[in-house]
Amino acid sequence: MKLSERFTDALTFATQLHANQTRKGGGVPYISHLLGVASIALEYGANEDEAIAALLHDAIEDQGGAATREEIRRCFGDVVTEIVDGCTDSDQTPKPPWLQRKEAYIAHIPTASASVRLVSAADKLHNAWSILKDYRLTGDAVWERFQGGKHGTLWYYRSLVKAFHTAGSTPLVEEFERVVDELERLAGIQANE
C-alpha cells in the first residue's frame, strides 16, 4: 500500500496540534508517540485511514475536544473520525476520574470495530513498550508519573489484554500481551493479582 498526500497532511496536522506536548516523564516530543503508533499500526496491516487515525488518536482527548473532532472530520473524513473517537477515553474538560475512564474504555474494546481495536492496540503496545523501556532505566520511579500508580497501571494494561483477546486474538494483541507480561515480571506483579 502506498500512502497518499492525506497521510502527509495528517502528519503535519498532528505535529502542529501536539507541538507543545511532551511524553510523561521527560522532554520527548509527543509526536514520537504518534509516529510510533502509526508505525506499529502500519506494520500490522493498517490501511491509510487507520494509519491517519493512529497519528490523530489522541487529538480529541488531548487537544481540543469537540472542535478538534470537527476539524478531523472536515480534513480527513468520517471513517478517520470514528476511529479516533473509538480511541478517545474522554473529550470532557475536566476529565472524569481516572478509574471511571479506564473501566469504560476497557468495556468498549470487545465491541469496538476492527479498525478501532487495531489503532488502540498499537497505541497501548507503544505505551507499554515505553513504560518497559523507562522501567529498565529508572525502576519503580516510573510509576510516579501515572495516576494509577504501579498497581493501577498494570491492572489497566492486563485488563486491556483480556479485552482485546475477547474480541479475538491477533499477532498485534499477542505482542502487546508479551510486553505486558514482561512489565509485570519486572515489576514483581502476578497476572492475576
C-alpha atoms as a PDB file:
ATOM      1  CA  MET A   1       0.000   0.000   0.000  1.00  0.00           C
ATOM      2  CA  LYS A   2       1.214   3.454  -0.878  1.00  0.00           C
ATOM      3  CA  LEU A   3       0.372   6.330   1.464  1.00  0.00           C
ATOM      4  CA  SER A   4      -1.068   9.425  -0.155  1.00  0.00           C
ATOM      5  CA  GLU A   5      -0.900  13.153   0.487  1.00  0.00           C
ATOM      6  CA  ARG A   6      -3.683  12.669   3.080  1.00  0.00           C
ATOM      7  CA  PHE A   7      -1.205  10.851   5.345  1.00  0.00           C
ATOM      8  CA  THR A   8       1.339  13.653   4.903  1.00  0.00           C
ATOM      9  CA  ASP A   9      -1.365  16.203   5.721  1.00  0.00           C
ATOM     10  CA  ALA A  10      -2.311  14.224   8.846  1.00  0.00           C
ATOM     11  CA  LEU A  11       1.318  14.045   9.925  1.00  0.00           C
ATOM     12  CA  THR A  12       1.631  17.827   9.579  1.00  0.00           C
ATOM     13  CA  PHE A  13      -1.679  18.349  11.386  1.00  0.00           C
ATOM     14  CA  ALA A  14      -0.652  16.046  14.272  1.00  0.00           C
ATOM     15  CA  THR A  15       2.778  17.673  14.544  1.00  0.00           C
ATOM     16  CA  GLN A  16       1.241  21.136  14.786  1.00  0.00           C
ATOM     17  CA  LEU A  17      -1.565  20.063  17.123  1.00  0.00           C
ATOM     18  CA  HIS A  18       0.775  18.380  19.626  1.00  0.00           C
ATOM     19  CA  ALA A  19       3.725  20.777  19.146  1.00  0.00           C
ATOM     20  CA  ASN A  20       3.822  21.873  22.799  1.00  0.00           C
ATOM     21  CA  GLN A  21       3.158  18.450  24.306  1.00  0.00           C
ATOM     22  CA  THR A  22       5.792  16.039  25.647  1.00  0.00           C
ATOM     23  CA  ARG A  23       5.623  12.431  26.815  1.00  0.00           C
ATOM     24  CA  LYS A  24       5.083  11.737  30.515  1.00  0.00           C
ATOM     25  CA  GLY A  25       8.299  11.780  32.472  1.00  0.00           C
ATOM     26  CA  GLY A  26      10.568  13.599  30.101  1.00  0.00           C
ATOM     27  CA  GLY A  27      11.140  16.073  27.354  1.00  0.00           C
ATOM     28  CA  VAL A  28      10.484  13.686  24.478  1.00  0.00           C
ATOM     29  CA  PRO A  29       8.253  15.419  21.907  1.00  0.00           C
ATOM     30  CA  TYR A  30       4.785  13.864  21.868  1.00  0.00           C
ATOM     31  CA  ILE A  31       4.938  13.339  18.107  1.00  0.00           C
ATOM     32  CA  SER A  32       7.367  10.468  18.808  1.00  0.00           C
ATOM     33  CA  HIS A  33       4.469   8.514  20.320  1.00  0.00           C
ATOM     34  CA  LEU A  34       2.148   9.306  17.425  1.00  0.00           C
ATOM     35  CA  LEU A  35       4.789   8.216  14.911  1.00  0.00           C
ATOM     36  CA  GLY A  36       5.378   5.028  16.916  1.00  0.00           C
ATOM     37  CA  VAL A  37       1.675   4.174  16.982  1.00  0.00           C
ATOM     38  CA  ALA A  38       1.313   4.840  13.242  1.00  0.00           C
ATOM     39  CA  SER A  39       4.383   2.699  12.551  1.00  0.00           C
ATOM     40  CA  ILE A  40       3.052  -0.208  14.623  1.00  0.00           C
ATOM     41  CA  ALA A  41      -0.393   0.073  13.024  1.00  0.00           C
ATOM     42  CA  LEU A  42       1.116   0.026   9.531  1.00  0.00           C
ATOM     43  CA  GLU A  43       3.352  -2.920  10.383  1.00  0.00           C
ATOM     44  CA  TYR A  44       0.258  -4.853  11.494  1.00  0.00           C
ATOM     45  CA  GLY A  45      -1.719  -4.121   8.333  1.00  0.00           C
ATOM     46  CA  ALA A  46      -3.329  -0.713   8.764  1.00  0.00           C
ATOM     47  CA  ASN A  47      -4.881   0.921   5.740  1.00  0.00           C
ATOM     48  CA  GLU A  48      -4.424   4.647   5.166  1.00  0.00           C
ATOM     49  CA  ASP A  49      -7.480   5.708   7.205  1.00  0.00           C
ATOM     50  CA  GLU A  50      -6.260   3.591  10.126  1.00  0.00           C
ATOM     51  CA  ALA A  51      -2.725   4.985   9.813  1.00  0.00           C
ATOM     52  CA  ILE A  52      -4.082   8.542   9.798  1.00  0.00           C
ATOM     53  CA  ALA A  53      -6.237   7.742  12.831  1.00  0.00           C
ATOM     54  CA  ALA A  54      -3.116   6.375  14.546  1.00  0.00           C
ATOM     55  CA  LEU A  55      -1.432   9.753  14.060  1.00  0.00           C
ATOM     56  CA  LEU A  56      -4.520  11.531  15.409  1.00  0.00           C
ATOM     57  CA  HIS A  57      -5.673   9.050  18.072  1.00  0.00           C
ATOM     58  CA  ASP A  58      -5.015  11.448  20.994  1.00  0.00           C
ATOM     59  CA  ALA A  59      -6.055  14.668  19.244  1.00  0.00           C
ATOM     60  CA  ILE A  60      -9.645  14.882  20.530  1.00  0.00           C
ATOM     61  CA  GLU A  61      -8.713  13.732  24.041  1.00  0.00           C
ATOM     62  CA  ASP A  62      -5.673  15.985  24.500  1.00  0.00           C
ATOM     63  CA  GLN A  63      -6.036  18.859  22.068  1.00  0.00           C
ATOM     64  CA  GLY A  64      -9.440  20.463  21.891  1.00  0.00           C
ATOM     65  CA  GLY A  65     -12.312  18.014  22.233  1.00  0.00           C
ATOM     66  CA  ALA A  66     -15.338  18.665  20.001  1.00  0.00           C
ATOM     67  CA  ALA A  67     -13.702  21.436  17.962  1.00  0.00           C
ATOM     68  CA  THR A  68     -10.768  19.156  17.106  1.00  0.00           C
ATOM     69  CA  ARG A  69     -13.180  16.312  16.256  1.00  0.00           C
ATOM     70  CA  GLU A  70     -14.906  18.545  13.706  1.00  0.00           C
ATOM     71  CA  GLU A  71     -11.576  19.649  12.232  1.00  0.00           C
ATOM     72  CA  ILE A  72     -10.553  15.991  11.842  1.00  0.00           C
ATOM     73  CA  ARG A  73     -13.900  15.222  10.205  1.00  0.00           C
ATOM     74  CA  ARG A  74     -13.525  18.165   7.811  1.00  0.00           C
ATOM     75  CA  CYS A  75      -9.939  17.328   6.856  1.00  0.00           C
ATOM     76  CA  PHE A  76      -9.864  13.518   6.982  1.00  0.00           C
ATOM     77  CA  GLY A  77     -13.469  12.270   6.855  1.00  0.00           C
ATOM     78  CA  ASP A  78     -15.947  10.273   8.877  1.00  0.00           C
ATOM     79  CA  VAL A  79     -14.024   6.971   8.908  1.00  0.00           C
ATOM     80  CA  VAL A  80     -10.912   8.519  10.470  1.00  0.00           C
ATOM     81  CA  THR A  81     -13.062  10.476  12.924  1.00  0.00           C
ATOM     82  CA  GLU A  82     -14.921   7.332  14.025  1.00  0.00           C
ATOM     83  CA  ILE A  83     -11.626   5.521  14.670  1.00  0.00           C
ATOM     84  CA  VAL A  84     -10.207   8.451  16.640  1.00  0.00           C
ATOM     85  CA  ASP A  85     -13.447   8.672  18.638  1.00  0.00           C
ATOM     86  CA  GLY A  86     -13.148   4.954  19.423  1.00  0.00           C
ATOM     87  CA  CYS A  87      -9.632   5.542  20.788  1.00  0.00           C
ATOM     88  CA  THR A  88     -10.677   8.523  22.931  1.00  0.00           C
ATOM     89  CA  ASP A  89     -11.335   7.827  26.606  1.00  0.00           C
ATOM     90  CA  SER A  90     -12.790  11.286  27.265  1.00  0.00           C
ATOM     91  CA  ASP A  91     -13.392  14.547  25.438  1.00  0.00           C
ATOM     92  CA  GLN A  92     -14.674  16.292  28.567  1.00  0.00           C
ATOM     93  CA  THR A  93     -12.920  19.066  30.475  1.00  0.00           C
ATOM     94  CA  PRO A  94     -12.201  18.360  33.234  1.00  0.00           C
ATOM     95  CA  LYS A  95     -11.857  14.665  32.545  1.00  0.00           C
ATOM     96  CA  PRO A  96     -13.885  12.205  34.629  1.00  0.00           C
ATOM     97  CA  PRO A  97     -11.975  10.295  37.354  1.00  0.00           C
ATOM     98  CA  TRP A  98      -9.164   8.035  36.115  1.00  0.00           C
ATOM     99  CA  LEU A  99     -10.697   4.696  37.135  1.00  0.00           C
ATOM    100  CA  GLN A 100     -14.090   5.560  35.629  1.00  0.00           C
ATOM    101  CA  ARG A 101     -12.478   6.480  32.287  1.00  0.00           C
ATOM    102  CA  LYS A 102     -10.300   3.366  32.196  1.00  0.00           C
ATOM    103  CA  GLU A 103     -13.141   0.977  33.074  1.00  0.00           C
ATOM    104  CA  ALA A 104     -15.330   2.494  30.346  1.00  0.00           C
ATOM    105  CA  TYR A 105     -12.505   2.243  27.800  1.00  0.00           C
ATOM    106  CA  ILE A 106     -11.826  -1.404  28.659  1.00  0.00           C
ATOM    107  CA  ALA A 107     -15.548  -2.218  28.437  1.00  0.00           C
ATOM    108  CA  HIS A 108     -15.876  -0.830  24.903  1.00  0.00           C
ATOM    109  CA  ILE A 109     -12.890  -2.684  23.389  1.00  0.00           C
ATOM    110  CA  PRO A 110     -14.597  -6.076  22.787  1.00  0.00           C
ATOM    111  CA  THR A 111     -17.369  -4.462  20.721  1.00  0.00           C
ATOM    112  CA  ALA A 112     -15.275  -1.783  19.008  1.00  0.00           C
ATOM    113  CA  SER A 113     -14.654  -2.002  15.270  1.00  0.00           C
ATOM    114  CA  ALA A 114     -11.618  -3.883  13.995  1.00  0.00           C
ATOM    115  CA  SER A 115     -10.116  -0.535  12.972  1.00  0.00           C
ATOM    116  CA  VAL A 116     -10.518   0.932  16.462  1.00  0.00           C
ATOM    117  CA  ARG A 117      -9.023  -2.221  18.005  1.00  0.00           C
ATOM    118  CA  LEU A 118      -6.048  -2.082  15.616  1.00  0.00           C
ATOM    119  CA  VAL A 119      -5.221   1.557  16.389  1.00  0.00           C
ATOM    120  CA  SER A 120      -5.953   1.158  20.101  1.00  0.00           C
ATOM    121  CA  ALA A 121      -3.774  -1.947  20.391  1.00  0.00           C
ATOM    122  CA  ALA A 122      -0.958  -0.157  18.526  1.00  0.00           C
ATOM    123  CA  ASP A 123      -1.308   2.753  20.978  1.00  0.00           C
ATOM    124  CA  LYS A 124      -1.321   0.517  24.030  1.00  0.00           C
ATOM    125  CA  LEU A 125       1.616  -1.540  22.731  1.00  0.00           C
ATOM    126  CA  HIS A 126       3.673   1.616  22.184  1.00  0.00           C
ATOM    127  CA  ASN A 127       2.752   2.912  25.655  1.00  0.00           C
ATOM    128  CA  ALA A 128       3.587  -0.409  27.333  1.00  0.00           C
ATOM    129  CA  TRP A 129       6.869  -0.632  25.435  1.00  0.00           C
ATOM    130  CA  SER A 130       7.740   2.931  26.562  1.00  0.00           C
ATOM    131  CA  ILE A 131       6.926   2.093  30.191  1.00  0.00           C
ATOM    132  CA  LEU A 132       9.051  -1.063  29.943  1.00  0.00           C
ATOM    133  CA  LYS A 133      11.973   0.894  28.493  1.00  0.00           C
ATOM    134  CA  ASP A 134      11.691   3.562  31.196  1.00  0.00           C
ATOM    135  CA  TYR A 135      11.272   0.940  33.939  1.00  0.00           C
ATOM    136  CA  ARG A 136      14.563  -0.608  32.878  1.00  0.00           C
ATOM    137  CA  LEU A 137      16.182   2.842  33.203  1.00  0.00           C
ATOM    138  CA  THR A 138      14.533   4.182  36.368  1.00  0.00           C
ATOM    139  CA  GLY A 139      12.947   1.237  38.189  1.00  0.00           C
ATOM    140  CA  ASP A 140       9.864   1.830  40.320  1.00  0.00           C
ATOM    141  CA  ALA A 141      10.176   5.606  39.903  1.00  0.00           C
ATOM    142  CA  VAL A 142       8.465   5.143  36.523  1.00  0.00           C
ATOM    143  CA  TRP A 143       5.105   4.547  38.264  1.00  0.00           C
ATOM    144  CA  GLU A 144       5.105   8.029  39.831  1.00  0.00           C
ATOM    145  CA  ARG A 145       4.109   9.576  36.510  1.00  0.00           C
ATOM    146  CA  PHE A 146       0.873   7.589  36.251  1.00  0.00           C
ATOM    147  CA  GLN A 147      -2.378   8.403  38.057  1.00  0.00           C
ATOM    148  CA  GLY A 148      -2.991   4.707  38.645  1.00  0.00           C
ATOM    149  CA  GLY A 149       0.462   4.136  40.117  1.00  0.00           C
ATOM    150  CA  LYS A 150       2.106   0.740  39.725  1.00  0.00           C
ATOM    151  CA  HIS A 151      -0.864  -1.491  40.544  1.00  0.00           C
ATOM    152  CA  GLY A 152      -3.483   0.596  38.751  1.00  0.00           C
ATOM    153  CA  THR A 153      -1.400   0.962  35.605  1.00  0.00           C
ATOM    154  CA  LEU A 154      -0.566  -2.732  35.436  1.00  0.00           C
ATOM    155  CA  TRP A 155      -4.222  -3.615  36.168  1.00  0.00           C
ATOM    156  CA  TYR A 156      -5.251  -1.365  33.253  1.00  0.00           C
ATOM    157  CA  TYR A 157      -2.836  -2.946  30.777  1.00  0.00           C
ATOM    158  CA  ARG A 158      -3.675  -6.528  31.855  1.00  0.00           C
ATOM    159  CA  SER A 159      -7.395  -5.716  31.592  1.00  0.00           C
ATOM    160  CA  LEU A 160      -6.835  -4.340  28.090  1.00  0.00           C
ATOM    161  CA  VAL A 161      -5.032  -7.538  27.075  1.00  0.00           C
ATOM    162  CA  LYS A 162      -8.070  -9.535  28.231  1.00  0.00           C
ATOM    163  CA  ALA A 163     -10.496  -7.180  26.459  1.00  0.00           C
ATOM    164  CA  PHE A 164      -8.575  -7.396  23.183  1.00  0.00           C
ATOM    165  CA  HIS A 165      -8.465 -11.205  23.437  1.00  0.00           C
ATOM    166  CA  THR A 166     -12.244 -11.241  24.000  1.00  0.00           C
ATOM    167  CA  ALA A 167     -12.629  -9.578  20.599  1.00  0.00           C
ATOM    168  CA  GLY A 168     -10.184 -12.020  19.005  1.00  0.00           C
ATOM    169  CA  SER A 169      -6.502 -12.682  19.252  1.00  0.00           C
ATOM    170  CA  THR A 170      -4.239 -11.148  16.614  1.00  0.00           C
ATOM    171  CA  PRO A 171      -0.451 -11.017  16.267  1.00  0.00           C
ATOM    172  CA  LEU A 172      -0.604  -7.396  17.490  1.00  0.00           C
ATOM    173  CA  VAL A 173      -2.588  -8.345  20.606  1.00  0.00           C
ATOM    174  CA  GLU A 174      -0.198 -11.221  21.258  1.00  0.00           C
ATOM    175  CA  GLU A 175       2.776  -8.843  21.053  1.00  0.00           C
ATOM    176  CA  PHE A 176       1.013  -6.420  23.408  1.00  0.00           C
ATOM    177  CA  GLU A 177       0.456  -9.289  25.844  1.00  0.00           C
ATOM    178  CA  ARG A 178       4.151 -10.269  25.727  1.00  0.00           C
ATOM    179  CA  VAL A 179       5.191  -6.716  26.635  1.00  0.00           C
ATOM    180  CA  VAL A 180       2.639  -6.569  29.487  1.00  0.00           C
ATOM    181  CA  ASP A 181       3.881  -9.982  30.710  1.00  0.00           C
ATOM    182  CA  GLU A 182       7.437  -8.626  30.801  1.00  0.00           C
ATOM    183  CA  LEU A 183       6.343  -5.446  32.599  1.00  0.00           C
ATOM    184  CA  GLU A 184       4.539  -7.485  35.248  1.00  0.00           C
ATOM    185  CA  ARG A 185       7.512  -9.813  35.628  1.00  0.00           C
ATOM    186  CA  LEU A 186       9.961  -6.953  36.140  1.00  0.00           C
ATOM    187  CA  ALA A 187       7.588  -5.147  38.472  1.00  0.00           C
ATOM    188  CA  GLY A 188       7.012  -8.311  40.531  1.00  0.00           C
ATOM    189  CA  ILE A 189       3.296  -8.491  39.799  1.00  0.00           C
ATOM    190  CA  GLN A 190       1.462 -11.709  39.014  1.00  0.00           C
ATOM    191  CA  ALA A 191      -1.011 -11.556  36.100  1.00  0.00           C
ATOM    192  CA  ASN A 192      -3.935 -12.493  38.351  1.00  0.00           C
ATOM    193  CA  GLU A 193      -3.219 -10.042  41.197  1.00  0.00           C
END
